[in-house]
């Protein structure tokens, strides 16, 4: 309403607080970090990599270019994508289970191996002190609904990507 309500130009834009990628990747300390991490994993796995594959494979004469030794910058990513291609439902389930272990168990174990929970620096200060928290590896439990739903949902998306019926 003119002269009665505030316009958008009268307000300040929110401050853009970029979170360092290393915090998001290895040391998520709050829900915002976890959300950024999850969104990045989802977009990378289920959107960016399949789109990159489709983009490159739809180019004219792609196989001729490869056979002639032409450098295709994203070829290693395409190779990795194709190597993991799911050809049936069991492949989709296995791949989804591997992703669960990678994201929620293996990465945490690797971090704890590199930085044990009781590690201190040369001044005697604990490495894992707030805001950093020592990760807790999560072992897959088929009876846990969150674990089951993650694997099933991931497998369904992979089946859609790879046209597995």
C-alpha atoms as a PDB file:
ATOM      1  CA  UNK A   1       0.000   0.000   0.000  1.00  0.00           C
ATOM      2  CA  UNK A   2       1.636   3.303  -1.056  1.00  0.00           C
ATOM      3  CA  UNK A   3       2.839   5.523   1.801  1.00  0.00           C
ATOM      4  CA  UNK A   4       1.535   3.033   4.392  1.00  0.00           C
ATOM      5  CA  UNK A   5       3.702  -0.075   4.134  1.00  0.00           C
ATOM      6  CA  UNK A   6       7.423  -0.638   3.900  1.00  0.00           C
ATOM      7  CA  UNK A   7       8.883  -1.568   0.514  1.00  0.00           C
ATOM      8  CA  UNK A   8      11.565  -4.188  -0.053  1.00  0.00           C
ATOM      9  CA  UNK A   9      14.099  -1.457  -0.818  1.00  0.00           C
ATOM     10  CA  UNK A  10      13.755  -0.162   2.750  1.00  0.00           C
ATOM     11  CA  UNK A  11      15.061  -3.447   4.158  1.00  0.00           C
ATOM     12  CA  UNK A  12      18.630  -4.695   4.308  1.00  0.00           C
ATOM     13  CA  UNK A  13      19.487  -7.885   2.476  1.00  0.00           C
ATOM     14  CA  UNK A  14      20.512 -10.732   4.750  1.00  0.00           C
ATOM     15  CA  UNK A  15      24.240 -11.094   5.262  1.00  0.00           C
ATOM     16  CA  UNK A  16      25.637 -13.835   3.032  1.00  0.00           C
ATOM     17  CA  UNK A  17      27.582 -16.119   5.330  1.00  0.00           C
ATOM     18  CA  UNK A  18      29.490 -18.570   3.177  1.00  0.00           C
ATOM     19  CA  UNK A  19      30.494 -21.633   5.143  1.00  0.00           C
ATOM     20  CA  UNK A  20      33.995 -22.931   4.351  1.00  0.00           C
ATOM     21  CA  UNK A  21      33.719 -26.167   2.364  1.00  0.00           C
ATOM     22  CA  UNK A  22      36.073 -28.040   4.718  1.00  0.00           C
ATOM     23  CA  UNK A  23      33.640 -27.362   7.580  1.00  0.00           C
ATOM     24  CA  UNK A  24      30.728 -28.694   5.580  1.00  0.00           C
ATOM     25  CA  UNK A  25      32.642 -31.713   4.271  1.00  0.00           C
ATOM     26  CA  UNK A  26      34.466 -32.905   7.375  1.00  0.00           C
ATOM     27  CA  UNK A  27      33.397 -30.874  10.378  1.00  0.00           C
ATOM     28  CA  UNK A  28      29.699 -29.999  10.163  1.00  0.00           C
ATOM     29  CA  UNK A  29      28.944 -28.360  13.499  1.00  0.00           C
ATOM     30  CA  UNK A  30      25.345 -27.283  13.072  1.00  0.00           C
ATOM     31  CA  UNK A  31      22.190 -28.093  11.154  1.00  0.00           C
ATOM     32  CA  UNK A  32      23.017 -25.546   8.417  1.00  0.00           C
ATOM     33  CA  UNK A  33      26.273 -27.388   7.642  1.00  0.00           C
ATOM     34  CA  UNK A  34      24.450 -30.727   7.531  1.00  0.00           C
ATOM     35  CA  UNK A  35      21.798 -29.330   5.209  1.00  0.00           C
ATOM     36  CA  UNK A  36      24.411 -27.873   2.845  1.00  0.00           C
ATOM     37  CA  UNK A  37      26.320 -31.182   2.870  1.00  0.00           C
ATOM     38  CA  UNK A  38      23.188 -33.242   2.155  1.00  0.00           C
ATOM     39  CA  UNK A  39      22.025 -30.935  -0.646  1.00  0.00           C
ATOM     40  CA  UNK A  40      25.488 -31.020  -2.261  1.00  0.00           C
ATOM     41  CA  UNK A  41      25.614 -34.822  -2.120  1.00  0.00           C
ATOM     42  CA  UNK A  42      22.092 -35.128  -3.530  1.00  0.00           C
ATOM     43  CA  UNK A  43      22.698 -32.670  -6.385  1.00  0.00           C
ATOM     44  CA  UNK A  44      26.065 -34.164  -7.268  1.00  0.00           C
ATOM     45  CA  UNK A  45      24.932 -37.794  -7.222  1.00  0.00           C
ATOM     46  CA  UNK A  46      21.464 -37.535  -8.692  1.00  0.00           C
ATOM     47  CA  UNK A  47      21.611 -34.462 -10.927  1.00  0.00           C
ATOM     48  CA  UNK A  48      25.029 -33.105 -11.883  1.00  0.00           C
ATOM     49  CA  UNK A  49      26.788 -36.405 -12.699  1.00  0.00           C
ATOM     50  CA  UNK A  50      23.903 -37.861 -14.743  1.00  0.00           C
ATOM     51  CA  UNK A  51      23.474 -34.529 -16.568  1.00  0.00           C
ATOM     52  CA  UNK A  52      27.188 -34.373 -17.350  1.00  0.00           C
ATOM     53  CA  UNK A  53      27.053 -37.931 -18.688  1.00  0.00           C
ATOM     54  CA  UNK A  54      24.029 -37.175 -20.874  1.00  0.00           C
ATOM     55  CA  UNK A  55      25.593 -33.963 -22.130  1.00  0.00           C
ATOM     56  CA  UNK A  56      28.850 -35.590 -23.179  1.00  0.00           C
ATOM     57  CA  UNK A  57      27.334 -38.779 -24.562  1.00  0.00           C
ATOM     58  CA  UNK A  58      24.855 -36.823 -26.702  1.00  0.00           C
ATOM     59  CA  UNK A  59      27.591 -34.869 -28.461  1.00  0.00           C
ATOM     60  CA  UNK A  60      28.102 -35.757 -32.097  1.00  0.00           C
ATOM     61  CA  UNK A  61      30.996 -38.075 -32.849  1.00  0.00           C
ATOM     62  CA  UNK A  62      31.940 -38.451 -29.179  1.00  0.00           C
ATOM     63  CA  UNK A  63      33.352 -41.933 -29.761  1.00  0.00           C
ATOM     64  CA  UNK A  64      35.334 -40.746 -32.808  1.00  0.00           C
ATOM     65  CA  UNK A  65      36.754 -37.888 -30.751  1.00  0.00           C
ATOM     66  CA  UNK A  66      37.778 -40.269 -27.982  1.00  0.00           C
ATOM     67  CA  UNK A  67      39.276 -42.807 -30.427  1.00  0.00           C
ATOM     68  CA  UNK A  68      41.257 -40.011 -32.110  1.00  0.00           C
ATOM     69  CA  UNK A  69      42.838 -39.163 -28.771  1.00  0.00           C
ATOM     70  CA  UNK A  70      41.023 -35.865 -28.338  1.00  0.00           C
ATOM     71  CA  UNK A  71      40.997 -34.729 -24.745  1.00  0.00           C
ATOM     72  CA  UNK A  72      37.562 -34.766 -23.178  1.00  0.00           C
ATOM     73  CA  UNK A  73      37.952 -32.864 -19.907  1.00  0.00           C
ATOM     74  CA  UNK A  74      35.241 -34.689 -17.997  1.00  0.00           C
ATOM     75  CA  UNK A  75      36.081 -38.161 -19.294  1.00  0.00           C
ATOM     76  CA  UNK A  76      37.364 -39.421 -15.895  1.00  0.00           C
ATOM     77  CA  UNK A  77      34.045 -38.434 -14.301  1.00  0.00           C
ATOM     78  CA  UNK A  78      32.145 -40.154 -17.104  1.00  0.00           C
ATOM     79  CA  UNK A  79      34.255 -43.290 -16.692  1.00  0.00           C
ATOM     80  CA  UNK A  80      33.582 -43.347 -12.942  1.00  0.00           C
ATOM     81  CA  UNK A  81      29.856 -42.819 -13.569  1.00  0.00           C
ATOM     82  CA  UNK A  82      29.731 -45.646 -16.144  1.00  0.00           C
ATOM     83  CA  UNK A  83      31.799 -47.987 -13.980  1.00  0.00           C
ATOM     84  CA  UNK A  84      29.141 -47.725 -11.280  1.00  0.00           C
ATOM     85  CA  UNK A  85      26.238 -48.085 -13.695  1.00  0.00           C
ATOM     86  CA  UNK A  86      23.337 -50.045 -12.268  1.00  0.00           C
ATOM     87  CA  UNK A  87      21.883 -52.587 -14.681  1.00  0.00           C
ATOM     88  CA  UNK A  88      19.319 -54.184 -12.363  1.00  0.00           C
ATOM     89  CA  UNK A  89      17.491 -53.558  -9.083  1.00  0.00           C
ATOM     90  CA  UNK A  90      20.076 -55.449  -6.997  1.00  0.00           C
ATOM     91  CA  UNK A  91      22.828 -53.198  -8.404  1.00  0.00           C
ATOM     92  CA  UNK A  92      20.769 -50.179  -7.360  1.00  0.00           C
ATOM     93  CA  UNK A  93      20.317 -51.544  -3.828  1.00  0.00           C
ATOM     94  CA  UNK A  94      24.007 -52.439  -3.509  1.00  0.00           C
ATOM     95  CA  UNK A  95      25.068 -49.020  -4.739  1.00  0.00           C
ATOM     96  CA  UNK A  96      22.672 -47.334  -2.304  1.00  0.00           C
ATOM     97  CA  UNK A  97      24.033 -49.434   0.582  1.00  0.00           C
ATOM     98  CA  UNK A  98      27.595 -48.483  -0.408  1.00  0.00           C
ATOM     99  CA  UNK A  99      26.583 -44.819  -0.355  1.00  0.00           C
ATOM    100  CA  UNK A 100      25.104 -45.222   3.130  1.00  0.00           C
ATOM    101  CA  UNK A 101      28.358 -46.755   4.395  1.00  0.00           C
ATOM    102  CA  UNK A 102      30.472 -44.151   2.606  1.00  0.00           C
ATOM    103  CA  UNK A 103      28.534 -41.161   3.929  1.00  0.00           C
ATOM    104  CA  UNK A 104      27.647 -42.277   7.439  1.00  0.00           C
ATOM    105  CA  UNK A 105      30.256 -44.827   8.481  1.00  0.00           C
ATOM    106  CA  UNK A 106      33.469 -44.888   6.440  1.00  0.00           C
ATOM    107  CA  UNK A 107      34.044 -41.117   6.347  1.00  0.00           C
ATOM    108  CA  UNK A 108      33.529 -40.863  10.120  1.00  0.00           C
ATOM    109  CA  UNK A 109      35.925 -43.774  10.757  1.00  0.00           C
ATOM    110  CA  UNK A 110      38.528 -42.203   8.464  1.00  0.00           C
ATOM    111  CA  UNK A 111      38.283 -38.897  10.330  1.00  0.00           C
ATOM    112  CA  UNK A 112      38.575 -40.618  13.717  1.00  0.00           C
ATOM    113  CA  UNK A 113      41.594 -42.555  12.471  1.00  0.00           C
ATOM    114  CA  UNK A 114      43.263 -39.336  11.354  1.00  0.00           C
ATOM    115  CA  UNK A 115      42.054 -37.295  14.357  1.00  0.00           C
ATOM    116  CA  UNK A 116      41.285 -39.654  17.298  1.00  0.00           C
ATOM    117  CA  UNK A 117      38.569 -38.539  19.716  1.00  0.00           C
ATOM    118  CA  UNK A 118      41.132 -37.970  22.501  1.00  0.00           C
ATOM    119  CA  UNK A 119      43.715 -36.181  20.322  1.00  0.00           C
ATOM    120  CA  UNK A 120      45.295 -33.055  21.810  1.00  0.00           C
ATOM    121  CA  UNK A 121      47.553 -30.451  20.233  1.00  0.00           C
ATOM    122  CA  UNK A 122      51.011 -29.488  21.519  1.00  0.00           C
ATOM    123  CA  UNK A 123      49.363 -27.165  24.061  1.00  0.00           C
ATOM    124  CA  UNK A 124      47.185 -29.956  25.456  1.00  0.00           C
ATOM    125  CA  UNK A 125      43.976 -28.636  23.890  1.00  0.00           C
ATOM    126  CA  UNK A 126      41.544 -31.239  22.608  1.00  0.00           C
ATOM    127  CA  UNK A 127      41.276 -31.334  18.825  1.00  0.00           C
ATOM    128  CA  UNK A 128      37.570 -32.184  19.012  1.00  0.00           C
ATOM    129  CA  UNK A 129      36.250 -29.247  20.977  1.00  0.00           C
ATOM    130  CA  UNK A 130      33.237 -27.111  20.197  1.00  0.00           C
ATOM    131  CA  UNK A 131      32.269 -26.140  17.609  1.00  0.00           C
ATOM    132  CA  UNK A 132      33.934 -29.283  16.145  1.00  0.00           C
ATOM    133  CA  UNK A 133      32.429 -32.538  17.310  1.00  0.00           C
ATOM    134  CA  UNK A 134      33.969 -35.958  16.950  1.00  0.00           C
ATOM    135  CA  UNK A 135      31.968 -37.926  14.396  1.00  0.00           C
ATOM    136  CA  UNK A 136      30.099 -41.066  15.339  1.00  0.00           C
ATOM    137  CA  UNK A 137      30.210 -43.798  12.695  1.00  0.00           C
ATOM    138  CA  UNK A 138      26.770 -45.251  11.998  1.00  0.00           C
ATOM    139  CA  UNK A 139      26.558 -48.929  11.116  1.00  0.00           C
ATOM    140  CA  UNK A 140      23.696 -49.858   8.820  1.00  0.00           C
ATOM    141  CA  UNK A 141      20.760 -51.435  10.636  1.00  0.00           C
ATOM    142  CA  UNK A 142      18.004 -52.729   8.383  1.00  0.00           C
ATOM    143  CA  UNK A 143      15.565 -52.449  11.310  1.00  0.00           C
ATOM    144  CA  UNK A 144      16.201 -48.710  11.613  1.00  0.00           C
ATOM    145  CA  UNK A 145      13.565 -46.940   9.503  1.00  0.00           C
ATOM    146  CA  UNK A 146      15.876 -44.013   8.677  1.00  0.00           C
ATOM    147  CA  UNK A 147      18.594 -46.356   7.396  1.00  0.00           C
ATOM    148  CA  UNK A 148      16.109 -48.461   5.449  1.00  0.00           C
ATOM    149  CA  UNK A 149      14.378 -45.413   3.948  1.00  0.00           C
ATOM    150  CA  UNK A 150      17.707 -43.843   2.918  1.00  0.00           C
ATOM    151  CA  UNK A 151      18.819 -46.973   1.067  1.00  0.00           C
ATOM    152  CA  UNK A 152      15.429 -47.620  -0.520  1.00  0.00           C
ATOM    153  CA  UNK A 153      14.998 -43.998  -1.653  1.00  0.00           C
ATOM    154  CA  UNK A 154      18.534 -43.840  -3.002  1.00  0.00           C
ATOM    155  CA  UNK A 155      18.044 -47.142  -4.868  1.00  0.00           C
ATOM    156  CA  UNK A 156      14.775 -45.897  -6.402  1.00  0.00           C
ATOM    157  CA  UNK A 157      16.432 -42.713  -7.667  1.00  0.00           C
ATOM    158  CA  UNK A 158      19.368 -44.692  -9.079  1.00  0.00           C
ATOM    159  CA  UNK A 159      16.918 -47.038 -10.814  1.00  0.00           C
ATOM    160  CA  UNK A 160      15.208 -44.026 -12.383  1.00  0.00           C
ATOM    161  CA  UNK A 161      18.547 -42.542 -13.512  1.00  0.00           C
ATOM    162  CA  UNK A 162      19.721 -45.815 -15.073  1.00  0.00           C
ATOM    163  CA  UNK A 163      16.269 -46.767 -16.440  1.00  0.00           C
ATOM    164  CA  UNK A 164      16.120 -49.951 -14.376  1.00  0.00           C
ATOM    165  CA  UNK A 165      12.609 -51.340 -14.041  1.00  0.00           C
END
